[in-house]
């Protein structure tokens, strides 16, 4: 198995893009920390306000 070495600048750039992408809500597009928490707990990339609105109005 071959191992590829990624330059440190590109590695940090990819990690930064991933972190930013994980914080964006799929419903409203807000950038919040609760999105990543809800992804881990519920499996959906939605913020707390969208989660609450889906709970009250499930349509």
C-alpha atoms as a PDB file:
ATOM      1  CA  UNK A   1       0.000   0.000   0.000  1.00  0.00           C
ATOM      2  CA  UNK A   2       1.374   3.379  -0.973  1.00  0.00           C
ATOM      3  CA  UNK A   3       1.219   6.352   1.316  1.00  0.00           C
ATOM      4  CA  UNK A   4       0.878   9.788  -0.143  1.00  0.00           C
ATOM      5  CA  UNK A   5       2.304  12.776   1.642  1.00  0.00           C
ATOM      6  CA  UNK A   6       0.083  15.841   1.629  1.00  0.00           C
ATOM      7  CA  UNK A   7       1.848  19.171   2.131  1.00  0.00           C
ATOM      8  CA  UNK A   8       0.859  20.753   5.441  1.00  0.00           C
ATOM      9  CA  UNK A   9      -0.696  23.825   3.816  1.00  0.00           C
ATOM     10  CA  UNK A  10      -3.107  21.724   1.742  1.00  0.00           C
ATOM     11  CA  UNK A  11      -3.915  19.502   4.731  1.00  0.00           C
ATOM     12  CA  UNK A  12      -4.959  22.465   6.866  1.00  0.00           C
ATOM     13  CA  UNK A  13      -6.908  23.959   3.970  1.00  0.00           C
ATOM     14  CA  UNK A  14      -8.915  20.741   3.540  1.00  0.00           C
ATOM     15  CA  UNK A  15      -9.593  20.536   7.302  1.00  0.00           C
ATOM     16  CA  UNK A  16     -10.726  24.173   7.390  1.00  0.00           C
ATOM     17  CA  UNK A  17     -13.120  23.657   4.472  1.00  0.00           C
ATOM     18  CA  UNK A  18     -14.560  20.554   6.148  1.00  0.00           C
ATOM     19  CA  UNK A  19     -15.142  22.393   9.424  1.00  0.00           C
ATOM     20  CA  UNK A  20     -16.891  25.257   7.654  1.00  0.00           C
ATOM     21  CA  UNK A  21     -19.053  22.830   5.655  1.00  0.00           C
ATOM     22  CA  UNK A  22     -20.107  20.937   8.796  1.00  0.00           C
ATOM     23  CA  UNK A  23     -21.529  24.087  10.393  1.00  0.00           C
ATOM     24  CA  UNK A  24     -23.931  25.076   7.584  1.00  0.00           C
ATOM     25  CA  UNK A  25     -27.612  24.188   8.034  1.00  0.00           C
ATOM     26  CA  UNK A  26     -29.213  22.397   5.064  1.00  0.00           C
ATOM     27  CA  UNK A  27     -32.617  24.007   5.651  1.00  0.00           C
ATOM     28  CA  UNK A  28     -31.880  27.695   6.182  1.00  0.00           C
ATOM     29  CA  UNK A  29     -28.175  28.004   5.306  1.00  0.00           C
ATOM     30  CA  UNK A  30     -27.137  29.544   8.651  1.00  0.00           C
ATOM     31  CA  UNK A  31     -23.642  28.964   9.987  1.00  0.00           C
ATOM     32  CA  UNK A  32     -24.113  27.651  13.556  1.00  0.00           C
ATOM     33  CA  UNK A  33     -22.316  25.298  15.932  1.00  0.00           C
ATOM     34  CA  UNK A  34     -25.546  23.429  16.701  1.00  0.00           C
ATOM     35  CA  UNK A  35     -25.533  21.932  13.179  1.00  0.00           C
ATOM     36  CA  UNK A  36     -22.578  19.680  13.930  1.00  0.00           C
ATOM     37  CA  UNK A  37     -24.107  18.643  17.267  1.00  0.00           C
ATOM     38  CA  UNK A  38     -27.413  17.739  15.618  1.00  0.00           C
ATOM     39  CA  UNK A  39     -25.559  15.826  12.902  1.00  0.00           C
ATOM     40  CA  UNK A  40     -23.891  13.661  15.532  1.00  0.00           C
ATOM     41  CA  UNK A  41     -26.999  13.186  17.693  1.00  0.00           C
ATOM     42  CA  UNK A  42     -29.822  12.973  15.116  1.00  0.00           C
ATOM     43  CA  UNK A  43     -28.090  12.399  11.782  1.00  0.00           C
ATOM     44  CA  UNK A  44     -29.449  15.595  10.185  1.00  0.00           C
ATOM     45  CA  UNK A  45     -27.504  18.724   9.330  1.00  0.00           C
ATOM     46  CA  UNK A  46     -29.994  21.256  10.699  1.00  0.00           C
ATOM     47  CA  UNK A  47     -29.668  24.025  13.282  1.00  0.00           C
ATOM     48  CA  UNK A  48     -31.640  24.120  16.522  1.00  0.00           C
ATOM     49  CA  UNK A  49     -34.192  26.616  15.204  1.00  0.00           C
ATOM     50  CA  UNK A  50     -34.956  24.440  12.153  1.00  0.00           C
ATOM     51  CA  UNK A  51     -35.110  21.352  14.364  1.00  0.00           C
ATOM     52  CA  UNK A  52     -37.639  23.081  16.608  1.00  0.00           C
ATOM     53  CA  UNK A  53     -39.753  24.243  13.687  1.00  0.00           C
ATOM     54  CA  UNK A  54     -39.748  20.713  12.190  1.00  0.00           C
ATOM     55  CA  UNK A  55     -40.810  19.322  15.568  1.00  0.00           C
ATOM     56  CA  UNK A  56     -43.738  21.760  15.860  1.00  0.00           C
ATOM     57  CA  UNK A  57     -44.685  21.781  12.149  1.00  0.00           C
ATOM     58  CA  UNK A  58     -43.597  18.400  10.697  1.00  0.00           C
ATOM     59  CA  UNK A  59     -44.658  19.205   7.113  1.00  0.00           C
END
